[in-house]
Protein backbone atom coordinates (compact mmCIF):
# COMPACT_ATOMS: atom_id res chain seq x y z
CA MET A 1 100.82 -54.26 25.49
CA ALA A 2 102.21 -57.08 24.76
CA LEU A 3 101.39 -60.44 26.65
CA SER A 4 103.18 -63.97 26.33
CA LYS A 5 102.82 -67.19 28.24
CA ASP A 6 106.26 -68.03 27.21
CA PHE A 7 107.95 -64.60 28.56
CA GLN A 8 106.10 -65.19 31.68
CA ASN A 9 107.18 -68.73 32.04
CA ARG A 10 110.56 -68.19 31.62
CA PHE A 11 110.54 -64.91 33.86
CA ILE A 12 108.88 -67.02 36.97
CA GLU A 13 111.40 -69.83 35.96
CA LEU A 14 114.48 -67.16 36.51
CA THR A 15 112.57 -64.78 39.41
CA ASP A 16 111.44 -68.08 41.71
CA ASP A 17 115.41 -69.10 41.67
CA LEU A 18 116.06 -66.18 43.65
CA ALA A 19 117.03 -66.83 47.49
CA GLU A 20 114.45 -63.44 48.25
CA LYS A 21 111.18 -64.75 48.52
CA SER A 22 109.32 -61.35 48.56
CA LYS A 23 108.13 -60.38 45.19
CA SER A 24 108.78 -56.58 46.21
CA LYS A 25 112.69 -57.36 47.04
CA ARG A 26 113.17 -59.36 44.08
CA ALA A 27 111.98 -56.36 41.70
CA LYS A 28 114.15 -54.28 43.81
CA ILE A 29 117.12 -56.47 43.79
CA ILE A 30 116.62 -56.56 39.59
CA GLY A 31 116.20 -53.16 39.39
CA ILE A 32 112.81 -53.45 38.31
CA SER A 33 109.59 -51.47 39.55
CA ASN A 34 107.03 -53.50 41.72
CA THR A 35 104.51 -53.20 38.99
CA THR A 36 106.75 -53.92 36.21
CA TYR A 37 107.66 -57.61 38.09
CA SER A 38 103.99 -58.33 39.00
CA ASN A 39 102.67 -57.71 35.61
CA ALA A 40 105.43 -60.04 34.16
CA TYR A 41 104.72 -62.51 36.93
CA ASN A 42 101.17 -62.63 37.35
CA TYR A 43 99.84 -61.92 33.58
CA GLY A 44 103.15 -62.13 31.20
CA ILE A 45 102.99 -58.50 30.19
CA ILE A 46 106.12 -57.98 28.47
CA PRO A 47 107.73 -54.82 29.62
CA LYS A 48 109.56 -51.79 28.00
CA THR A 49 112.58 -52.58 26.55
CA SER A 50 114.88 -50.75 29.02
CA SER A 51 113.34 -53.33 32.20
CA LEU A 52 114.02 -56.37 29.75
CA ILE A 53 117.42 -54.99 29.25
CA ARG A 54 117.80 -54.68 33.34
CA ILE A 55 116.07 -58.02 34.14
CA ALA A 56 118.38 -59.55 31.20
CA ASP A 57 121.98 -58.01 32.66
CA TYR A 58 120.71 -59.05 35.98
CA PHE A 59 120.51 -62.78 35.25
CA ASN A 60 123.47 -62.36 32.58
CA ILE A 61 120.83 -63.85 29.58
CA SER A 62 120.44 -62.56 26.43
CA VAL A 63 116.78 -60.56 25.84
CA GLU A 64 116.09 -63.13 23.32
CA TYR A 65 116.51 -65.80 26.19
CA LEU A 66 114.52 -63.81 28.55
CA ILE A 67 111.59 -63.43 26.07
CA ALA A 68 111.58 -67.02 24.98
CA ASN A 69 112.81 -66.01 21.29
CA THR A 70 115.46 -68.89 21.91
CA ASP A 71 115.94 -71.60 24.47
CA ASP A 72 119.80 -71.18 23.99
CA GLU A 73 120.88 -69.79 27.48
CA HIS A 74 124.49 -68.79 26.22
CA PHE A 75 125.20 -65.10 26.50
CA GLU A 76 128.13 -63.17 25.79
CA LYS A 77 128.01 -59.76 26.97
CA SER A 78 130.13 -56.77 25.20
CA PRO A 79 132.64 -55.71 27.05
CA HIS A 80 132.24 -52.26 25.38
CA PRO A 81 128.36 -51.91 24.90
CA THR A 82 127.48 -50.03 21.63
CA PRO A 83 124.87 -47.85 21.68
CA PHE A 84 121.83 -48.69 20.22
CA LYS A 85 121.41 -45.72 17.43
CA GLU A 86 125.22 -46.23 16.71
CA ARG A 87 124.34 -49.92 15.68
CA LEU A 88 121.68 -49.05 13.71
CA SER A 89 123.00 -46.69 12.28
CA GLU A 90 126.28 -48.67 11.39
CA LEU A 91 123.78 -51.94 9.84
CA ARG A 92 121.95 -49.33 7.85
CA MET A 93 125.19 -48.05 6.28
CA ALA A 94 126.53 -51.92 5.60
CA LYS A 95 123.41 -52.72 3.97
CA GLY A 96 123.11 -49.28 1.70
CA VAL A 97 120.10 -47.78 3.21
CA SER A 98 120.91 -44.31 3.52
CA THR A 99 118.13 -42.30 4.75
CA VAL A 100 115.78 -42.85 7.75
CA TYR A 101 113.08 -42.43 5.25
CA GLU A 102 114.34 -45.50 3.31
CA LEU A 103 114.54 -47.52 6.29
CA SER A 104 111.11 -46.69 7.23
CA GLN A 105 109.53 -47.94 3.87
CA LEU A 106 111.56 -51.08 4.22
CA ILE A 107 110.50 -52.20 7.62
CA HIS A 108 107.46 -50.26 7.50
CA ILE A 109 107.93 -48.58 10.93
CA HIS A 110 106.98 -44.48 10.92
CA ARG A 111 110.25 -42.40 10.35
CA ASN A 112 108.87 -40.43 13.17
CA ASN A 113 109.87 -43.50 15.45
CA ILE A 114 113.13 -44.29 13.74
CA ALA A 115 114.26 -40.53 14.04
CA GLN A 116 113.06 -40.55 17.54
CA TRP A 117 115.30 -43.25 18.34
CA ASN A 118 118.30 -41.54 16.64
CA ASN A 119 117.65 -38.01 18.22
CA LEU A 120 116.23 -38.67 21.49
CA ASP A 121 118.42 -41.86 22.16
CA CYS A 122 115.23 -43.74 22.69
CA ILE A 123 114.89 -47.44 22.34
CA PRO A 124 112.34 -49.17 20.25
CA LEU A 125 109.62 -51.57 21.85
CA ILE A 126 110.49 -55.26 21.66
CA ASP A 127 108.16 -55.78 19.01
CA ASP A 128 109.89 -53.00 16.76
CA LEU A 129 113.44 -54.34 17.83
CA SER A 130 112.19 -57.93 16.41
CA ILE A 131 111.05 -56.61 13.02
CA ILE A 132 114.53 -54.43 12.79
CA ALA A 133 116.30 -57.53 13.93
CA ASP A 134 115.09 -59.63 11.36
CA PHE A 135 115.41 -57.01 8.57
CA PHE A 136 119.38 -56.65 9.01
CA SER A 137 119.74 -60.58 9.98
CA VAL A 138 121.03 -59.65 13.53
CA SER A 139 119.92 -60.64 17.31
CA ILE A 140 118.12 -58.33 19.23
CA ASP A 141 120.82 -58.38 21.56
CA TYR A 142 123.21 -57.28 18.53
CA LEU A 143 121.02 -54.53 17.79
CA LEU A 144 120.78 -53.12 21.52
CA GLY A 145 124.80 -53.08 21.40
CA ARG A 146 124.71 -55.89 24.59
CA THR A 147 126.72 -58.36 22.45
CA ASP A 148 129.41 -58.37 19.73
CA ASP A 149 128.08 -61.89 18.12
CA PRO A 150 125.43 -60.48 15.13
CA THR A 151 124.50 -64.51 14.65
CA PRO A 152 120.21 -64.20 14.91
CA CYS A 153 119.09 -66.44 17.65
CA LYS A 154 118.56 -70.18 16.89
């Protein structure tokens, strides 16, 4: 469970601008559970990546902006999002990393985790996404296929 005061402040700033004042209704509008909303709002607990994506999609912002990796609000969503496992495969091949084992050795993430992302269509947690994005010198949103702009966040 990752905690971030910066994420919490950003989340509060975004959600307090909603017209709906009930936190449970805000959660429903955004598409996340009440627990996820409360944990983010009250404690700064960073939710699973799928919830981060829902929040970012609702506000039309980057995940990087949401987790306060950048203060740049500009985000250009891809009209044709690329699934994470395809984007990871493209980046791996472009960098000449031929196997999951080789990638796991380079980024220090267990090969079983990487295999799960490929075989089960899972999305990594935000900490792993940050490591992978840094390794390939791309943004988390590019890695997730949410944008076609690979530029790392500033």
